[in-house]
Amino acid sequence: MEAAHQPVPGATQPLSGATRPVSGATLSVESPQQMQELGRRLAKILRPGDLVMLTGELGAGKTTLTRGLGEGLGVRGAVTSPTFVIARVHPSLVGGPALVHVDAYRLGGGLDEMEDLDLDVSLPESVVVVEWGDGKVEELTDDRLHLLIHRVTGDTDDDRRTVVLRGIGARWAEDDLARL
């Protein structure tokens, strides 16, 4: 995996008259194994209260990355797509934060529909990962890590992906995401 050390477009974002710092990096991932390894490396910098949003087409590697996060966090249970159950909680086996894995694909509404999952209650002591969370979970916290996973589309079995990491808010202002 190579990190492209480029500035992130929109280095600040408006928030009620103020700005939120944005940090970031762009990485090239060549295989599902590398995507899982990225998750394991990312787990080393995550802490309780972190919200991670994953955006990408079907088959982009969101669940594969989350599987690596689960391994890196040392959680119980196989990390699989929670599409039909909406959310799964994986407790820590090593005294760290639990992993709450949410798939918001089938949820049409915004935060109102997500409130039934009690993510606001889980967030302070867990790492919450939300697939397809754009426009649905941003209000949970001012600080979040957003990963956009781009894959080659069309008639190909190419495993290459480009992963754009954007750390939004004070939590991520000092973190050098390019070192992943």
N, C-alpha and C. Protein backbone atom coordinates (compact mmCIF):
# COMPACT_ATOMS: atom_id res chain seq x y z
N MET A 1 0.84 -1.17 0.00
CA MET A 1 0.00 0.00 0.00
C MET A 1 0.88 1.23 0.00
N GLU A 2 0.54 2.15 -0.85
CA GLU A 2 1.30 3.39 -0.90
C GLU A 2 0.41 4.53 -0.49
N ALA A 3 0.93 5.40 0.35
CA ALA A 3 0.19 6.58 0.75
C ALA A 3 0.58 7.72 -0.15
N ALA A 4 -0.39 8.35 -0.74
CA ALA A 4 -0.14 9.54 -1.53
C ALA A 4 -0.30 10.73 -0.60
N HIS A 5 0.76 11.41 -0.33
CA HIS A 5 0.74 12.52 0.62
C HIS A 5 0.27 13.77 -0.09
N GLN A 6 -1.04 13.88 -0.24
CA GLN A 6 -1.63 15.02 -0.91
C GLN A 6 -2.56 15.72 0.05
N PRO A 7 -2.69 17.04 -0.11
CA PRO A 7 -3.65 17.73 0.76
C PRO A 7 -5.06 17.24 0.45
N VAL A 8 -5.90 17.29 1.46
CA VAL A 8 -7.28 16.88 1.29
C VAL A 8 -8.08 18.08 0.82
N PRO A 9 -8.84 17.93 -0.28
CA PRO A 9 -9.67 19.05 -0.73
C PRO A 9 -10.61 19.47 0.39
N GLY A 10 -10.83 20.76 0.53
CA GLY A 10 -11.72 21.27 1.58
C GLY A 10 -11.11 21.09 2.94
N ALA A 11 -9.95 21.65 3.20
CA ALA A 11 -9.22 21.43 4.44
C ALA A 11 -9.98 21.90 5.67
N THR A 12 -10.98 22.72 5.49
CA THR A 12 -11.88 23.04 6.59
C THR A 12 -13.30 23.00 6.06
N GLN A 13 -14.24 22.73 6.95
CA GLN A 13 -15.63 22.69 6.56
C GLN A 13 -16.43 23.58 7.48
N PRO A 14 -17.39 24.33 6.93
CA PRO A 14 -18.21 25.17 7.79
C PRO A 14 -19.06 24.34 8.75
N LEU A 15 -19.18 24.81 9.96
CA LEU A 15 -20.05 24.18 10.95
C LEU A 15 -20.59 25.28 11.84
N SER A 16 -21.81 25.68 11.59
CA SER A 16 -22.47 26.71 12.38
C SER A 16 -21.58 27.94 12.56
N GLY A 17 -21.06 28.47 11.47
CA GLY A 17 -20.25 29.67 11.53
C GLY A 17 -18.80 29.44 11.89
N ALA A 18 -18.44 28.23 12.27
CA ALA A 18 -17.05 27.91 12.63
C ALA A 18 -16.49 26.97 11.57
N THR A 19 -15.27 26.54 11.78
CA THR A 19 -14.69 25.56 10.86
C THR A 19 -14.24 24.35 11.66
N ARG A 20 -14.29 23.20 11.00
CA ARG A 20 -13.81 21.97 11.58
C ARG A 20 -12.58 21.56 10.80
N PRO A 21 -11.49 21.24 11.48
CA PRO A 21 -10.30 20.80 10.75
C PRO A 21 -10.53 19.46 10.08
N VAL A 22 -9.89 19.30 8.94
CA VAL A 22 -9.97 18.05 8.19
C VAL A 22 -8.54 17.60 7.89
N SER A 23 -8.23 16.35 8.19
CA SER A 23 -6.94 15.79 7.81
C SER A 23 -7.22 14.62 6.90
N GLY A 24 -6.20 14.15 6.20
CA GLY A 24 -6.50 13.02 5.33
C GLY A 24 -5.31 12.47 4.58
N ALA A 25 -5.61 11.44 3.82
CA ALA A 25 -4.62 10.76 3.00
C ALA A 25 -5.35 9.96 1.94
N THR A 26 -4.63 9.60 0.90
CA THR A 26 -5.14 8.74 -0.15
C THR A 26 -4.21 7.54 -0.25
N LEU A 27 -4.78 6.32 -0.18
CA LEU A 27 -3.99 5.10 -0.21
C LEU A 27 -4.41 4.23 -1.39
N SER A 28 -3.47 3.50 -1.94
CA SER A 28 -3.76 2.49 -2.96
C SER A 28 -3.74 1.13 -2.30
N VAL A 29 -4.78 0.35 -2.56
CA VAL A 29 -4.91 -0.99 -2.00
C VAL A 29 -5.02 -1.95 -3.18
N GLU A 30 -4.18 -2.99 -3.18
CA GLU A 30 -4.09 -3.88 -4.33
C GLU A 30 -4.86 -5.19 -4.20
N SER A 31 -5.34 -5.53 -2.99
CA SER A 31 -5.98 -6.83 -2.79
C SER A 31 -6.88 -6.79 -1.56
N PRO A 32 -7.79 -7.77 -1.45
CA PRO A 32 -8.59 -7.85 -0.23
C PRO A 32 -7.73 -8.03 1.02
N GLN A 33 -6.61 -8.75 0.89
CA GLN A 33 -5.72 -8.93 2.04
C GLN A 33 -5.14 -7.59 2.49
N GLN A 34 -4.80 -6.74 1.53
CA GLN A 34 -4.29 -5.41 1.89
C GLN A 34 -5.39 -4.54 2.50
N MET A 35 -6.63 -4.70 2.04
CA MET A 35 -7.74 -3.94 2.62
C MET A 35 -7.93 -4.36 4.08
N GLN A 36 -7.85 -5.65 4.34
CA GLN A 36 -7.98 -6.14 5.71
C GLN A 36 -6.81 -5.65 6.56
N GLU A 37 -5.61 -5.64 5.99
CA GLU A 37 -4.43 -5.13 6.71
C GLU A 37 -4.59 -3.65 7.03
N LEU A 38 -5.17 -2.88 6.11
CA LEU A 38 -5.44 -1.47 6.37
C LEU A 38 -6.36 -1.35 7.59
N GLY A 39 -7.36 -2.21 7.68
CA GLY A 39 -8.25 -2.20 8.85
C GLY A 39 -7.49 -2.50 10.13
N ARG A 40 -6.59 -3.48 10.09
CA ARG A 40 -5.79 -3.80 11.29
C ARG A 40 -4.93 -2.62 11.70
N ARG A 41 -4.32 -1.95 10.72
CA ARG A 41 -3.48 -0.78 11.05
C ARG A 41 -4.31 0.38 11.56
N LEU A 42 -5.46 0.58 10.97
CA LEU A 42 -6.35 1.65 11.41
C LEU A 42 -6.82 1.40 12.85
N ALA A 43 -7.04 0.15 13.22
CA ALA A 43 -7.49 -0.19 14.57
C ALA A 43 -6.51 0.31 15.63
N LYS A 44 -5.23 0.40 15.28
CA LYS A 44 -4.21 0.83 16.24
C LYS A 44 -4.38 2.29 16.66
N ILE A 45 -5.04 3.10 15.81
CA ILE A 45 -5.20 4.51 16.17
C ILE A 45 -6.62 4.85 16.62
N LEU A 46 -7.53 3.88 16.53
CA LEU A 46 -8.90 4.13 16.96
C LEU A 46 -9.02 3.99 18.47
N ARG A 47 -9.99 4.71 19.03
CA ARG A 47 -10.22 4.66 20.47
C ARG A 47 -11.73 4.76 20.74
N PRO A 48 -12.15 4.45 21.95
CA PRO A 48 -13.58 4.54 22.26
C PRO A 48 -14.12 5.93 21.91
N GLY A 49 -15.29 5.94 21.32
CA GLY A 49 -15.92 7.20 20.92
C GLY A 49 -15.70 7.55 19.46
N ASP A 50 -14.88 6.77 18.76
CA ASP A 50 -14.62 7.08 17.35
C ASP A 50 -15.75 6.57 16.47
N LEU A 51 -16.17 7.41 15.55
CA LEU A 51 -17.15 7.07 14.53
C LEU A 51 -16.41 6.97 13.20
N VAL A 52 -16.54 5.82 12.54
CA VAL A 52 -15.91 5.60 11.24
C VAL A 52 -17.02 5.36 10.23
N MET A 53 -17.07 6.21 9.20
CA MET A 53 -18.05 6.06 8.13
C MET A 53 -17.35 5.48 6.91
N LEU A 54 -17.96 4.46 6.32
CA LEU A 54 -17.41 3.81 5.13
C LEU A 54 -18.35 4.03 3.95
N THR A 55 -17.81 4.57 2.88
CA THR A 55 -18.58 4.82 1.68
C THR A 55 -17.91 4.13 0.51
N GLY A 56 -18.70 3.45 -0.29
CA GLY A 56 -18.19 2.78 -1.48
C GLY A 56 -19.27 1.92 -2.07
N GLU A 57 -19.12 1.59 -3.34
CA GLU A 57 -20.10 0.76 -4.02
C GLU A 57 -20.19 -0.62 -3.39
N LEU A 58 -21.21 -1.36 -3.79
CA LEU A 58 -21.30 -2.76 -3.39
C LEU A 58 -20.03 -3.47 -3.85
N GLY A 59 -19.42 -4.24 -2.97
CA GLY A 59 -18.20 -4.97 -3.33
C GLY A 59 -16.93 -4.15 -3.28
N ALA A 60 -17.00 -2.93 -2.75
CA ALA A 60 -15.81 -2.07 -2.72
C ALA A 60 -14.80 -2.52 -1.67
N GLY A 61 -15.27 -3.19 -0.61
CA GLY A 61 -14.35 -3.65 0.43
C GLY A 61 -14.65 -3.11 1.81
N LYS A 62 -15.83 -2.55 2.01
CA LYS A 62 -16.18 -1.97 3.31
C LYS A 62 -16.18 -3.02 4.43
N THR A 63 -16.81 -4.14 4.19
CA THR A 63 -16.85 -5.19 5.21
C THR A 63 -15.48 -5.84 5.38
N THR A 64 -14.73 -5.97 4.31
CA THR A 64 -13.37 -6.52 4.41
C THR A 64 -12.51 -5.64 5.29
N LEU A 65 -12.60 -4.33 5.11
CA LEU A 65 -11.86 -3.39 5.96
C LEU A 65 -12.33 -3.52 7.40
N THR A 66 -13.63 -3.63 7.61
CA THR A 66 -14.17 -3.75 8.97
C THR A 66 -13.72 -5.05 9.62
N ARG A 67 -13.59 -6.11 8.84
CA ARG A 67 -13.08 -7.38 9.37
C ARG A 67 -11.66 -7.17 9.93
N GLY A 68 -10.84 -6.43 9.20
CA GLY A 68 -9.50 -6.10 9.69
C GLY A 68 -9.55 -5.26 10.95
N LEU A 69 -10.49 -4.30 11.01
CA LEU A 69 -10.65 -3.50 12.23
C LEU A 69 -10.97 -4.40 13.42
N GLY A 70 -11.88 -5.34 13.20
CA GLY A 70 -12.24 -6.27 14.28
C GLY A 70 -11.05 -7.07 14.76
N GLU A 71 -10.23 -7.55 13.81
CA GLU A 71 -9.02 -8.29 14.19
C GLU A 71 -8.08 -7.39 14.98
N GLY A 72 -7.88 -6.18 14.49
CA GLY A 72 -6.97 -5.25 15.16
C GLY A 72 -7.45 -4.83 16.53
N LEU A 73 -8.76 -4.73 16.71
CA LEU A 73 -9.32 -4.36 18.01
C LEU A 73 -9.43 -5.56 18.94
N GLY A 74 -9.29 -6.76 18.42
CA GLY A 74 -9.38 -7.96 19.24
C GLY A 74 -10.78 -8.23 19.74
N VAL A 75 -11.76 -8.19 18.83
CA VAL A 75 -13.14 -8.39 19.24
C VAL A 75 -13.60 -9.82 19.00
N ARG A 76 -14.70 -10.17 19.67
CA ARG A 76 -15.27 -11.51 19.56
C ARG A 76 -16.22 -11.58 18.36
N GLY A 77 -16.22 -12.73 17.72
CA GLY A 77 -17.17 -12.99 16.65
C GLY A 77 -16.63 -12.65 15.28
N ALA A 78 -17.14 -13.36 14.30
CA ALA A 78 -16.76 -13.11 12.92
C ALA A 78 -17.42 -11.83 12.45
N VAL A 79 -16.64 -10.94 11.87
CA VAL A 79 -17.18 -9.70 11.33
C VAL A 79 -17.67 -9.98 9.92
N THR A 80 -18.98 -9.94 9.77
CA THR A 80 -19.62 -10.15 8.47
C THR A 80 -20.56 -8.98 8.22
N SER A 81 -21.05 -8.88 7.02
CA SER A 81 -21.94 -7.77 6.68
C SER A 81 -23.22 -7.84 7.49
N PRO A 82 -23.59 -6.75 8.17
CA PRO A 82 -24.82 -6.75 8.95
C PRO A 82 -26.03 -6.24 8.16
N THR A 83 -26.02 -6.44 6.84
CA THR A 83 -27.07 -5.88 5.98
C THR A 83 -28.47 -6.21 6.47
N PHE A 84 -28.73 -7.45 6.83
CA PHE A 84 -30.09 -7.82 7.18
C PHE A 84 -30.41 -7.66 8.66
N VAL A 85 -29.40 -7.60 9.52
CA VAL A 85 -29.65 -7.36 10.93
C VAL A 85 -29.41 -5.90 11.30
N ILE A 86 -28.92 -5.11 10.38
CA ILE A 86 -28.63 -3.68 10.49
C ILE A 86 -27.40 -3.40 11.34
N ALA A 87 -27.29 -4.01 12.52
CA ALA A 87 -26.14 -3.71 13.39
C ALA A 87 -25.73 -4.95 14.18
N ARG A 88 -24.42 -5.07 14.38
CA ARG A 88 -23.87 -6.14 15.21
C ARG A 88 -22.89 -5.51 16.20
N VAL A 89 -22.90 -6.02 17.42
CA VAL A 89 -21.95 -5.57 18.43
C VAL A 89 -20.96 -6.70 18.66
N HIS A 90 -19.68 -6.39 18.55
CA HIS A 90 -18.61 -7.35 18.78
C HIS A 90 -17.84 -6.90 20.03
N PRO A 91 -18.07 -7.55 21.18
CA PRO A 91 -17.37 -7.16 22.40
C PRO A 91 -15.87 -7.44 22.29
N SER A 92 -15.10 -6.67 23.02
CA SER A 92 -13.65 -6.85 23.03
C SER A 92 -13.28 -8.08 23.83
N LEU A 93 -12.28 -8.79 23.35
CA LEU A 93 -11.71 -9.92 24.08
C LEU A 93 -10.44 -9.52 24.82
N VAL A 94 -10.00 -8.26 24.62
CA VAL A 94 -8.71 -7.83 25.16
C VAL A 94 -8.82 -6.59 26.05
N GLY A 95 -10.04 -6.25 26.47
CA GLY A 95 -10.22 -5.10 27.35
C GLY A 95 -10.29 -3.77 26.63
N GLY A 96 -10.39 -3.78 25.33
CA GLY A 96 -10.51 -2.55 24.55
C GLY A 96 -11.97 -2.23 24.25
N PRO A 97 -12.18 -1.29 23.34
CA PRO A 97 -13.56 -0.94 23.01
C PRO A 97 -14.23 -2.03 22.17
N ALA A 98 -15.55 -2.12 22.32
CA ALA A 98 -16.34 -3.00 21.45
C ALA A 98 -16.38 -2.38 20.06
N LEU A 99 -16.65 -3.22 19.08
CA LEU A 99 -16.86 -2.76 17.70
C LEU A 99 -18.36 -2.87 17.42
N VAL A 100 -18.98 -1.74 17.09
CA VAL A 100 -20.38 -1.73 16.67
C VAL A 100 -20.35 -1.53 15.16
N HIS A 101 -20.81 -2.55 14.42
CA HIS A 101 -20.76 -2.56 12.96
C HIS A 101 -22.18 -2.40 12.43
N VAL A 102 -22.43 -1.29 11.73
CA VAL A 102 -23.76 -0.95 11.25
C VAL A 102 -23.75 -0.90 9.72
N ASP A 103 -24.79 -1.43 9.11
CA ASP A 103 -24.99 -1.31 7.68
C ASP A 103 -26.29 -0.54 7.49
N ALA A 104 -26.18 0.72 7.08
CA ALA A 104 -27.35 1.59 6.95
C ALA A 104 -27.94 1.57 5.54
N TYR A 105 -27.52 0.62 4.73
CA TYR A 105 -27.96 0.56 3.33
C TYR A 105 -29.48 0.55 3.21
N ARG A 106 -30.15 -0.24 4.03
CA ARG A 106 -31.61 -0.37 3.91
C ARG A 106 -32.37 0.70 4.70
N LEU A 107 -31.65 1.55 5.40
CA LEU A 107 -32.30 2.61 6.17
C LEU A 107 -32.42 3.86 5.30
N GLY A 108 -33.63 4.34 5.11
CA GLY A 108 -33.82 5.47 4.21
C GLY A 108 -33.69 6.81 4.89
N GLY A 109 -34.06 6.89 6.16
CA GLY A 109 -34.09 8.18 6.84
C GLY A 109 -32.74 8.59 7.37
N GLY A 110 -32.74 9.73 8.01
CA GLY A 110 -31.52 10.25 8.61
C GLY A 110 -31.35 9.74 10.02
N LEU A 111 -30.88 10.61 10.88
CA LEU A 111 -30.57 10.23 12.25
C LEU A 111 -31.80 9.73 13.01
N ASP A 112 -33.00 10.22 12.65
CA ASP A 112 -34.22 9.75 13.34
C ASP A 112 -34.35 8.24 13.25
N GLU A 113 -34.15 7.68 12.07
CA GLU A 113 -34.26 6.24 11.89
C GLU A 113 -33.10 5.52 12.59
N MET A 114 -31.94 6.15 12.64
CA MET A 114 -30.78 5.55 13.29
C MET A 114 -30.91 5.56 14.81
N GLU A 115 -31.74 6.45 15.36
CA GLU A 115 -31.89 6.54 16.82
C GLU A 115 -32.37 5.24 17.42
N ASP A 116 -33.14 4.46 16.67
CA ASP A 116 -33.62 3.18 17.18
C ASP A 116 -32.47 2.23 17.49
N LEU A 117 -31.31 2.46 16.89
CA LEU A 117 -30.14 1.61 17.13
C LEU A 117 -29.36 2.04 18.37
N ASP A 118 -29.71 3.18 18.97
CA ASP A 118 -29.03 3.70 20.16
C ASP A 118 -27.54 3.89 19.95
N LEU A 119 -27.15 4.32 18.76
CA LEU A 119 -25.72 4.54 18.50
C LEU A 119 -25.15 5.63 19.38
N ASP A 120 -25.97 6.62 19.72
CA ASP A 120 -25.48 7.69 20.59
C ASP A 120 -25.12 7.15 21.97
N VAL A 121 -25.78 6.08 22.41
CA VAL A 121 -25.47 5.46 23.69
C VAL A 121 -24.21 4.60 23.57
N SER A 122 -24.06 3.89 22.45
CA SER A 122 -22.92 3.00 22.24
C SER A 122 -21.63 3.75 21.94
N LEU A 123 -21.73 4.90 21.31
CA LEU A 123 -20.56 5.59 20.80
C LEU A 123 -19.49 5.91 21.84
N PRO A 124 -19.81 6.43 23.01
CA PRO A 124 -18.74 6.83 23.93
C PRO A 124 -17.79 5.71 24.35
N GLU A 125 -18.26 4.47 24.43
CA GLU A 125 -17.38 3.39 24.88
C GLU A 125 -17.02 2.40 23.78
N SER A 126 -17.44 2.67 22.55
CA SER A 126 -17.21 1.74 21.44
C SER A 126 -16.56 2.45 20.26
N VAL A 127 -16.10 1.66 19.31
CA VAL A 127 -15.76 2.16 17.99
C VAL A 127 -16.95 1.79 17.12
N VAL A 128 -17.59 2.79 16.54
CA VAL A 128 -18.78 2.56 15.72
C VAL A 128 -18.40 2.74 14.26
N VAL A 129 -18.62 1.68 13.46
CA VAL A 129 -18.35 1.70 12.04
C VAL A 129 -19.68 1.61 11.31
N VAL A 130 -19.94 2.58 10.43
CA VAL A 130 -21.21 2.62 9.71
C VAL A 130 -20.94 2.57 8.21
N GLU A 131 -21.41 1.49 7.58
CA GLU A 131 -21.38 1.40 6.13
C GLU A 131 -22.63 2.11 5.61
N TRP A 132 -22.49 2.83 4.51
CA TRP A 132 -23.60 3.55 3.88
C TRP A 132 -24.20 4.59 4.82
N GLY A 133 -23.39 5.25 5.62
CA GLY A 133 -23.90 6.19 6.61
C GLY A 133 -24.02 7.63 6.15
N ASP A 134 -23.61 7.93 4.92
CA ASP A 134 -23.68 9.31 4.44
C ASP A 134 -25.09 9.88 4.58
N GLY A 135 -25.17 11.06 5.19
CA GLY A 135 -26.45 11.72 5.36
C GLY A 135 -27.30 11.11 6.47
N LYS A 136 -26.74 10.17 7.22
CA LYS A 136 -27.53 9.48 8.24
C LYS A 136 -26.94 9.57 9.64
N VAL A 137 -25.62 9.65 9.77
CA VAL A 137 -25.03 9.57 11.11
C VAL A 137 -24.09 10.73 11.45
N GLU A 138 -23.91 11.67 10.55
CA GLU A 138 -22.98 12.76 10.80
C GLU A 138 -23.30 13.55 12.07
N GLU A 139 -24.59 13.60 12.42
CA GLU A 139 -25.00 14.37 13.59
C GLU A 139 -24.66 13.70 14.91
N LEU A 140 -24.19 12.45 14.87
CA LEU A 140 -23.81 11.77 16.11
C LEU A 140 -22.65 12.44 16.81
N THR A 141 -21.72 12.99 16.03
CA THR A 141 -20.53 13.60 16.61
C THR A 141 -19.90 14.57 15.61
N ASP A 142 -19.24 15.59 16.12
CA ASP A 142 -18.51 16.52 15.24
C ASP A 142 -17.24 15.88 14.71
N ASP A 143 -16.76 14.85 15.36
CA ASP A 143 -15.51 14.19 14.99
C ASP A 143 -15.81 12.83 14.39
N ARG A 144 -15.29 12.60 13.20
CA ARG A 144 -15.48 11.29 12.57
C ARG A 144 -14.39 11.05 11.54
N LEU A 145 -14.21 9.79 11.24
CA LEU A 145 -13.27 9.39 10.20
C LEU A 145 -14.10 8.84 9.06
N HIS A 146 -13.94 9.43 7.88
CA HIS A 146 -14.73 9.03 6.72
C HIS A 146 -13.79 8.40 5.70
N LEU A 147 -14.06 7.16 5.32
CA LEU A 147 -13.28 6.47 4.31
C LEU A 147 -14.13 6.29 3.07
N LEU A 148 -13.63 6.80 1.95
CA LEU A 148 -14.29 6.62 0.65
C LEU A 148 -13.48 5.60 -0.11
N ILE A 149 -14.11 4.49 -0.46
CA ILE A 149 -13.41 3.41 -1.15
C ILE A 149 -13.88 3.39 -2.60
N HIS A 150 -12.94 3.63 -3.50
CA HIS A 150 -13.23 3.64 -4.93
C HIS A 150 -12.65 2.38 -5.55
N ARG A 151 -13.42 1.70 -6.36
CA ARG A 151 -12.92 0.51 -7.03
C ARG A 151 -13.09 0.67 -8.54
N VAL A 152 -12.31 -0.11 -9.26
CA VAL A 152 -12.45 -0.14 -10.70
C VAL A 152 -13.82 -0.73 -11.01
N THR A 153 -14.56 -0.08 -11.86
CA THR A 153 -15.89 -0.58 -12.20
C THR A 153 -15.91 -1.12 -13.62
N GLY A 154 -16.96 -1.79 -13.95
CA GLY A 154 -17.09 -2.35 -15.29
C GLY A 154 -16.78 -3.83 -15.29
N ASP A 155 -16.48 -4.34 -16.44
CA ASP A 155 -16.25 -5.77 -16.63
C ASP A 155 -14.81 -6.13 -16.29
N THR A 156 -14.54 -6.27 -14.98
CA THR A 156 -13.17 -6.55 -14.53
C THR A 156 -13.20 -7.27 -13.20
N ASP A 157 -12.19 -8.08 -12.92
CA ASP A 157 -12.06 -8.66 -11.58
C ASP A 157 -10.87 -8.02 -10.87
N ASP A 158 -10.57 -6.81 -11.20
CA ASP A 158 -9.46 -6.08 -10.61
C ASP A 158 -9.76 -5.80 -9.13
N ASP A 159 -8.80 -6.13 -8.27
CA ASP A 159 -8.98 -5.93 -6.83
C ASP A 159 -8.44 -4.58 -6.35
N ARG A 160 -7.91 -3.77 -7.25
CA ARG A 160 -7.34 -2.48 -6.85
C ARG A 160 -8.43 -1.53 -6.36
N ARG A 161 -8.06 -0.83 -5.28
CA ARG A 161 -8.96 0.17 -4.71
C ARG A 161 -8.14 1.41 -4.38
N THR A 162 -8.80 2.54 -4.39
CA THR A 162 -8.24 3.77 -3.85
C THR A 162 -9.07 4.12 -2.64
N VAL A 163 -8.40 4.34 -1.51
CA VAL A 163 -9.09 4.66 -0.27
C VAL A 163 -8.70 6.08 0.14
N VAL A 164 -9.70 6.93 0.23
CA VAL A 164 -9.49 8.31 0.66
C VAL A 164 -9.95 8.39 2.11
N LEU A 165 -9.03 8.73 2.99
CA LEU A 165 -9.32 8.87 4.42
C LEU A 165 -9.46 10.35 4.73
N ARG A 166 -10.57 10.71 5.37
CA ARG A 166 -10.78 12.10 5.78
C ARG A 166 -11.14 12.11 7.25
N GLY A 167 -10.26 12.64 8.06
CA GLY A 167 -10.54 12.82 9.48
C GLY A 167 -11.16 14.19 9.67
N ILE A 168 -12.36 14.22 10.21
CA ILE A 168 -13.11 15.47 10.35
C ILE A 168 -13.26 15.79 11.83
N GLY A 169 -12.89 17.01 12.20
CA GLY A 169 -13.05 17.47 13.57
C GLY A 169 -11.75 17.47 14.35
N ALA A 170 -11.82 18.01 15.55
CA ALA A 170 -10.65 18.18 16.40
C ALA A 170 -9.96 16.85 16.72
N ARG A 171 -10.71 15.78 16.86
CA ARG A 171 -10.12 14.46 17.17
C ARG A 171 -9.07 14.07 16.14
N TRP A 172 -9.29 14.43 14.89
CA TRP A 172 -8.41 13.99 13.81
C TRP A 172 -7.45 15.07 13.34
N ALA A 173 -7.52 16.27 13.93
CA ALA A 173 -6.69 17.38 13.47
C ALA A 173 -5.21 17.09 13.61
N GLU A 174 -4.81 16.39 14.66
CA GLU A 174 -3.40 16.13 14.91
C GLU A 174 -2.94 14.76 14.40
N ASP A 175 -3.86 13.92 13.99
CA ASP A 175 -3.52 12.56 13.59
C ASP A 175 -3.04 12.55 12.15
N ASP A 176 -1.88 12.00 11.91
CA ASP A 176 -1.33 11.92 10.57
C ASP A 176 -1.82 10.63 9.90
N LEU A 177 -2.94 10.75 9.23
CA LEU A 177 -3.55 9.59 8.59
C LEU A 177 -2.69 9.06 7.45
N ALA A 178 -1.80 9.87 6.94
CA ALA A 178 -0.94 9.43 5.83
C ALA A 178 0.05 8.34 6.29
N ARG A 179 0.28 8.21 7.59
CA ARG A 179 1.23 7.20 8.07
C ARG A 179 0.63 5.79 8.05
N LEU A 180 -0.64 5.69 7.76
CA LEU A 180 -1.27 4.38 7.67
C LEU A 180 -0.73 3.67 6.45
